[in-house]
Amino acid sequence: MVNAPEGYEGPGFLATSLDQVVGLARSKSMWPLPFATSCCGIEFMATMASTYDLARFGSERPSFSPRQADMLMVMGTISKKLGPVLRQVYEQMAEPRWVISVGACACSGGVFDTYSVLQGIDKIIPVDVYVPGCPPRPEQIIDGILKLQELVKNEPMRRRNSPEYKTLLASYGITVN
């Protein structure tokens, strides 16, 4: 927050910047798109249940359409054959979009060091937060979401239009309009 202008101090007045307001609103209203293929998906289901209640953090509405989600949660083993599907889902999401890689398999291929398993989803799409574990506990998934909320809250509105961001997407072969 910034200091109030002269003559506008007192109860009922708040001075801030547009970036901070938008960042706060975005961070507290993220709609997750679960892309679950294995046991990590079961842990995500436990995270959404009443014991852990992900709704307290503003993520109570899981979206199963990429066009209505802004947080892609990739959980479980991703085969090389499934990689193009994951990339297509990512490309169908509207900007701004964020990605959480949940579990050892999504982060690094896990124990499956084989020809058919993708050794980390960061080979095909950019990842914002990694949640390690096999499978990670619901507390770890919540911590990953809180870390992403902090990242979103502090991200400038113009970052997605910056040359650095366009270069990052171009390094993955993703074109930006």
C-alpha atoms as a PDB file:
ATOM      1  CA  MET A   1       0.000   0.000   0.000  1.00  0.00           C
ATOM      2  CA  VAL A   2       1.081   3.586  -0.536  1.00  0.00           C
ATOM      3  CA  ASN A   3       0.625   6.609   1.670  1.00  0.00           C
ATOM      4  CA  ALA A   4      -2.620   8.521   1.293  1.00  0.00           C
ATOM      5  CA  PRO A   5      -2.509  11.888  -0.497  1.00  0.00           C
ATOM      6  CA  GLU A   6      -2.467  15.004   1.666  1.00  0.00           C
ATOM      7  CA  GLY A   7      -5.958  15.767   2.960  1.00  0.00           C
ATOM      8  CA  TYR A   8      -7.302  12.251   2.335  1.00  0.00           C
ATOM      9  CA  GLU A   9      -6.160  10.504   5.503  1.00  0.00           C
ATOM     10  CA  GLY A  10      -8.454   8.955   8.057  1.00  0.00           C
ATOM     11  CA  PRO A  11     -10.920   6.113   8.386  1.00  0.00           C
ATOM     12  CA  GLY A  12     -12.679   5.001   5.219  1.00  0.00           C
ATOM     13  CA  PHE A  13      -9.902   6.001   2.812  1.00  0.00           C
ATOM     14  CA  LEU A  14      -7.401   3.669   1.248  1.00  0.00           C
ATOM     15  CA  ALA A  15      -4.732   4.574  -1.274  1.00  0.00           C
ATOM     16  CA  THR A  16      -3.182   1.924  -3.495  1.00  0.00           C
ATOM     17  CA  SER A  17      -2.196   1.269  -7.092  1.00  0.00           C
ATOM     18  CA  LEU A  18      -4.227  -0.447  -9.802  1.00  0.00           C
ATOM     19  CA  ASP A  19      -1.564  -3.177 -10.102  1.00  0.00           C
ATOM     20  CA  GLN A  20      -1.992  -4.074  -6.429  1.00  0.00           C
ATOM     21  CA  VAL A  21      -5.790  -4.173  -6.581  1.00  0.00           C
ATOM     22  CA  VAL A  22      -5.833  -6.328  -9.714  1.00  0.00           C
ATOM     23  CA  GLY A  23      -3.114  -8.593  -8.303  1.00  0.00           C
ATOM     24  CA  LEU A  24      -5.055  -9.086  -5.076  1.00  0.00           C
ATOM     25  CA  ALA A  25      -8.290  -9.821  -6.947  1.00  0.00           C
ATOM     26  CA  ARG A  26      -6.588 -12.294  -9.303  1.00  0.00           C
ATOM     27  CA  SER A  27      -4.780 -14.105  -6.506  1.00  0.00           C
ATOM     28  CA  LYS A  28      -7.943 -14.655  -4.459  1.00  0.00           C
ATOM     29  CA  SER A  29     -10.145 -15.882  -7.320  1.00  0.00           C
ATOM     30  CA  MET A  30      -8.147 -18.485  -9.209  1.00  0.00           C
ATOM     31  CA  TRP A  31     -10.098 -21.216 -10.985  1.00  0.00           C
ATOM     32  CA  PRO A  32      -8.127 -24.452 -11.175  1.00  0.00           C
ATOM     33  CA  LEU A  33      -8.215 -26.847 -14.119  1.00  0.00           C
ATOM     34  CA  PRO A  34      -7.181 -30.245 -12.730  1.00  0.00           C
ATOM     35  CA  PHE A  35      -5.243 -32.338 -15.251  1.00  0.00           C
ATOM     36  CA  ALA A  36      -4.908 -35.470 -13.127  1.00  0.00           C
ATOM     37  CA  THR A  37      -3.669 -38.797 -14.426  1.00  0.00           C
ATOM     38  CA  SER A  38      -2.546 -40.761 -11.345  1.00  0.00           C
ATOM     39  CA  CYS A  39      -2.431 -40.940  -7.570  1.00  0.00           C
ATOM     40  CA  CYS A  40      -1.683 -37.205  -7.251  1.00  0.00           C
ATOM     41  CA  GLY A  41      -5.212 -36.617  -8.535  1.00  0.00           C
ATOM     42  CA  ILE A  42      -6.573 -38.505  -5.523  1.00  0.00           C
ATOM     43  CA  GLU A  43      -4.615 -36.192  -3.230  1.00  0.00           C
ATOM     44  CA  PHE A  44      -6.084 -33.207  -5.094  1.00  0.00           C
ATOM     45  CA  MET A  45      -9.573 -34.634  -4.480  1.00  0.00           C
ATOM     46  CA  ALA A  46      -8.743 -34.832  -0.780  1.00  0.00           C
ATOM     47  CA  THR A  47      -7.557 -31.216  -0.925  1.00  0.00           C
ATOM     48  CA  MET A  48     -10.913 -30.142  -2.379  1.00  0.00           C
ATOM     49  CA  ALA A  49     -12.872 -32.083   0.275  1.00  0.00           C
ATOM     50  CA  SER A  50     -14.165 -30.632   3.517  1.00  0.00           C
ATOM     51  CA  THR A  51     -11.157 -31.588   5.665  1.00  0.00           C
ATOM     52  CA  TYR A  52      -8.740 -29.312   3.800  1.00  0.00           C
ATOM     53  CA  ASP A  53     -11.295 -27.129   1.979  1.00  0.00           C
ATOM     54  CA  LEU A  54      -9.475 -25.392  -0.851  1.00  0.00           C
ATOM     55  CA  ALA A  55     -12.465 -23.030  -1.110  1.00  0.00           C
ATOM     56  CA  ARG A  56     -11.058 -20.933   1.746  1.00  0.00           C
ATOM     57  CA  PHE A  57      -8.318 -19.777  -0.630  1.00  0.00           C
ATOM     58  CA  GLY A  58     -10.609 -18.709  -3.466  1.00  0.00           C
ATOM     59  CA  SER A  59     -10.230 -21.850  -5.588  1.00  0.00           C
ATOM     60  CA  GLU A  60     -13.546 -23.490  -4.875  1.00  0.00           C
ATOM     61  CA  ARG A  61     -14.675 -23.727  -8.484  1.00  0.00           C
ATOM     62  CA  PRO A  62     -12.704 -26.321 -10.428  1.00  0.00           C
ATOM     63  CA  SER A  63     -13.133 -25.694 -14.122  1.00  0.00           C
ATOM     64  CA  PHE A  64     -13.044 -28.558 -16.572  1.00  0.00           C
ATOM     65  CA  SER A  65     -12.899 -26.245 -19.559  1.00  0.00           C
ATOM     66  CA  PRO A  66      -9.561 -24.580 -20.347  1.00  0.00           C
ATOM     67  CA  ARG A  67     -11.330 -21.461 -21.576  1.00  0.00           C
ATOM     68  CA  GLN A  68     -12.750 -20.797 -18.106  1.00  0.00           C
ATOM     69  CA  ALA A  69      -9.688 -21.619 -16.008  1.00  0.00           C
ATOM     70  CA  ASP A  70      -6.600 -19.613 -15.180  1.00  0.00           C
ATOM     71  CA  MET A  71      -4.627 -22.139 -13.073  1.00  0.00           C
ATOM     72  CA  LEU A  72      -3.601 -25.437 -14.679  1.00  0.00           C
ATOM     73  CA  MET A  73      -2.767 -28.085 -12.091  1.00  0.00           C
ATOM     74  CA  VAL A  74      -0.906 -30.977 -13.725  1.00  0.00           C
ATOM     75  CA  MET A  75      -0.877 -34.002 -11.440  1.00  0.00           C
ATOM     76  CA  GLY A  76       0.595 -37.405 -12.123  1.00  0.00           C
ATOM     77  CA  THR A  77       2.488 -39.204 -14.840  1.00  0.00           C
ATOM     78  CA  ILE A  78       2.410 -37.556 -18.254  1.00  0.00           C
ATOM     79  CA  SER A  79       3.373 -39.851 -21.115  1.00  0.00           C
ATOM     80  CA  LYS A  80       4.996 -38.481 -24.249  1.00  0.00           C
ATOM     81  CA  LYS A  81       1.841 -39.407 -26.138  1.00  0.00           C
ATOM     82  CA  LEU A  82      -0.214 -37.248 -23.742  1.00  0.00           C
ATOM     83  CA  GLY A  83       2.215 -34.302 -23.977  1.00  0.00           C
ATOM     84  CA  PRO A  84       0.610 -32.706 -27.064  1.00  0.00           C
ATOM     85  CA  VAL A  85      -2.819 -32.913 -25.407  1.00  0.00           C
ATOM     86  CA  LEU A  86      -1.493 -31.133 -22.308  1.00  0.00           C
ATOM     87  CA  ARG A  87       0.090 -28.466 -24.471  1.00  0.00           C
ATOM     88  CA  GLN A  88      -3.164 -27.954 -26.386  1.00  0.00           C
ATOM     89  CA  VAL A  89      -5.056 -27.544 -23.101  1.00  0.00           C
ATOM     90  CA  TYR A  90      -2.471 -24.966 -21.995  1.00  0.00           C
ATOM     91  CA  GLU A  91      -2.755 -23.050 -25.266  1.00  0.00           C
ATOM     92  CA  GLN A  92      -6.571 -22.985 -25.016  1.00  0.00           C
ATOM     93  CA  MET A  93      -6.402 -21.202 -21.665  1.00  0.00           C
ATOM     94  CA  ALA A  94      -6.790 -17.432 -21.755  1.00  0.00           C
ATOM     95  CA  GLU A  95      -4.077 -15.110 -20.466  1.00  0.00           C
ATOM     96  CA  PRO A  96      -3.181 -14.647 -17.694  1.00  0.00           C
ATOM     97  CA  ARG A  97      -2.629 -18.342 -16.981  1.00  0.00           C
ATOM     98  CA  TRP A  98      -0.495 -20.110 -14.428  1.00  0.00           C
ATOM     99  CA  VAL A  99       0.728 -23.696 -14.062  1.00  0.00           C
ATOM    100  CA  ILE A 100       1.351 -25.812 -10.962  1.00  0.00           C
ATOM    101  CA  SER A 101       3.236 -29.089 -11.399  1.00  0.00           C
ATOM    102  CA  VAL A 102       2.050 -31.444  -8.648  1.00  0.00           C
ATOM    103  CA  GLY A 103       3.950 -34.589  -7.702  1.00  0.00           C
ATOM    104  CA  ALA A 104       7.259 -36.134  -8.629  1.00  0.00           C
ATOM    105  CA  CYS A 105       5.953 -37.567 -11.917  1.00  0.00           C
ATOM    106  CA  ALA A 106       4.756 -34.213 -13.268  1.00  0.00           C
ATOM    107  CA  CYS A 107       7.845 -32.403 -11.960  1.00  0.00           C
ATOM    108  CA  SER A 108      10.551 -34.807 -13.149  1.00  0.00           C
ATOM    109  CA  GLY A 109       9.059 -38.061 -14.415  1.00  0.00           C
ATOM    110  CA  GLY A 110       9.224 -39.602 -10.946  1.00  0.00           C
ATOM    111  CA  VAL A 111      10.380 -43.201 -10.723  1.00  0.00           C
ATOM    112  CA  PHE A 112       9.389 -43.769 -14.343  1.00  0.00           C
ATOM    113  CA  ASP A 113      12.663 -43.129 -16.160  1.00  0.00           C
ATOM    114  CA  THR A 114      11.454 -44.795 -19.341  1.00  0.00           C
ATOM    115  CA  TYR A 115      11.211 -43.938 -23.024  1.00  0.00           C
ATOM    116  CA  SER A 116       7.469 -43.315 -22.838  1.00  0.00           C
ATOM    117  CA  VAL A 117       7.238 -40.941 -19.849  1.00  0.00           C
ATOM    118  CA  LEU A 118       7.844 -37.214 -20.147  1.00  0.00           C
ATOM    119  CA  GLN A 119      10.644 -36.281 -17.734  1.00  0.00           C
ATOM    120  CA  GLY A 120       8.918 -33.157 -16.399  1.00  0.00           C
ATOM    121  CA  ILE A 121       6.142 -31.075 -17.922  1.00  0.00           C
ATOM    122  CA  ASP A 122       8.481 -28.088 -18.116  1.00  0.00           C
ATOM    123  CA  LYS A 123       9.777 -29.673 -21.322  1.00  0.00           C
ATOM    124  CA  ILE A 124       6.533 -28.660 -23.106  1.00  0.00           C
ATOM    125  CA  ILE A 125       4.904 -25.832 -21.083  1.00  0.00           C
ATOM    126  CA  PRO A 126       6.249 -23.211 -18.653  1.00  0.00           C
ATOM    127  CA  VAL A 127       5.700 -24.025 -14.972  1.00  0.00           C
ATOM    128  CA  ASP A 128       5.238 -21.422 -12.231  1.00  0.00           C
ATOM    129  CA  VAL A 129       5.202 -23.579  -9.058  1.00  0.00           C
ATOM    130  CA  TYR A 130       6.494 -27.098  -8.397  1.00  0.00           C
ATOM    131  CA  VAL A 131       4.947 -29.224  -5.626  1.00  0.00           C
ATOM    132  CA  PRO A 132       7.228 -32.214  -4.905  1.00  0.00           C
ATOM    133  CA  GLY A 133       6.196 -35.502  -3.347  1.00  0.00           C
ATOM    134  CA  CYS A 134       5.033 -38.961  -4.317  1.00  0.00           C
ATOM    135  CA  PRO A 135       2.187 -38.306  -3.855  1.00  0.00           C
ATOM    136  CA  PRO A 136       2.248 -34.894  -2.174  1.00  0.00           C
ATOM    137  CA  ARG A 137       0.084 -34.430   0.889  1.00  0.00           C
ATOM    138  CA  PRO A 138      -2.915 -32.065   0.673  1.00  0.00           C
ATOM    139  CA  GLU A 139      -1.003 -29.610   2.871  1.00  0.00           C
ATOM    140  CA  GLN A 140       1.753 -29.462   0.238  1.00  0.00           C
ATOM    141  CA  ILE A 141      -0.775 -28.820  -2.539  1.00  0.00           C
ATOM    142  CA  ILE A 142      -2.307 -25.999  -0.488  1.00  0.00           C
ATOM    143  CA  ASP A 143       1.180 -24.585   0.118  1.00  0.00           C
ATOM    144  CA  GLY A 144       1.848 -24.658  -3.630  1.00  0.00           C
ATOM    145  CA  ILE A 145      -1.397 -22.790  -4.295  1.00  0.00           C
ATOM    146  CA  LEU A 146      -0.514 -20.212  -1.632  1.00  0.00           C
ATOM    147  CA  LYS A 147       2.917 -19.729  -3.241  1.00  0.00           C
ATOM    148  CA  LEU A 148       1.230 -19.238  -6.625  1.00  0.00           C
ATOM    149  CA  GLN A 149      -1.219 -16.748  -5.078  1.00  0.00           C
ATOM    150  CA  GLU A 150       1.727 -14.744  -3.743  1.00  0.00           C
ATOM    151  CA  LEU A 151       3.356 -14.811  -7.193  1.00  0.00           C
ATOM    152  CA  VAL A 152       0.104 -13.677  -8.866  1.00  0.00           C
ATOM    153  CA  LYS A 153      -0.487 -10.973  -6.272  1.00  0.00           C
ATOM    154  CA  ASN A 154       2.936  -9.411  -6.916  1.00  0.00           C
ATOM    155  CA  GLU A 155       2.961  -9.834 -10.709  1.00  0.00           C
ATOM    156  CA  PRO A 156       2.696  -6.549 -12.620  1.00  0.00           C
ATOM    157  CA  MET A 157      -0.259  -6.313 -15.012  1.00  0.00           C
ATOM    158  CA  ARG A 158       2.037  -5.582 -17.948  1.00  0.00           C
ATOM    159  CA  ARG A 159       4.302  -8.618 -17.435  1.00  0.00           C
ATOM    160  CA  ARG A 160       2.293 -10.749 -19.879  1.00  0.00           C
ATOM    161  CA  ASN A 161       2.914  -8.186 -22.648  1.00  0.00           C
ATOM    162  CA  SER A 162       6.640  -7.869 -21.949  1.00  0.00           C
ATOM    163  CA  PRO A 163       9.287  -8.999 -24.452  1.00  0.00           C
ATOM    164  CA  GLU A 164      10.741 -11.332 -21.787  1.00  0.00           C
ATOM    165  CA  TYR A 165       7.430 -13.206 -21.437  1.00  0.00           C
ATOM    166  CA  LYS A 166       7.018 -13.481 -25.208  1.00  0.00           C
ATOM    167  CA  THR A 167      10.573 -14.819 -25.442  1.00  0.00           C
ATOM    168  CA  LEU A 168       9.801 -17.408 -22.754  1.00  0.00           C
ATOM    169  CA  LEU A 169       6.729 -18.634 -24.649  1.00  0.00           C
ATOM    170  CA  ALA A 170       8.660 -18.619 -27.929  1.00  0.00           C
ATOM    171  CA  SER A 171      11.279 -20.892 -26.338  1.00  0.00           C
ATOM    172  CA  TYR A 172       8.458 -23.436 -25.913  1.00  0.00           C
ATOM    173  CA  GLY A 173       7.264 -22.869 -29.479  1.00  0.00           C
ATOM    174  CA  ILE A 174       4.091 -21.099 -28.329  1.00  0.00           C
ATOM    175  CA  THR A 175       3.053 -18.143 -30.433  1.00  0.00           C
ATOM    176  CA  VAL A 176       1.522 -15.045 -28.868  1.00  0.00           C
ATOM    177  CA  ASN A 177      -0.980 -12.881 -30.725  1.00  0.00           C
END
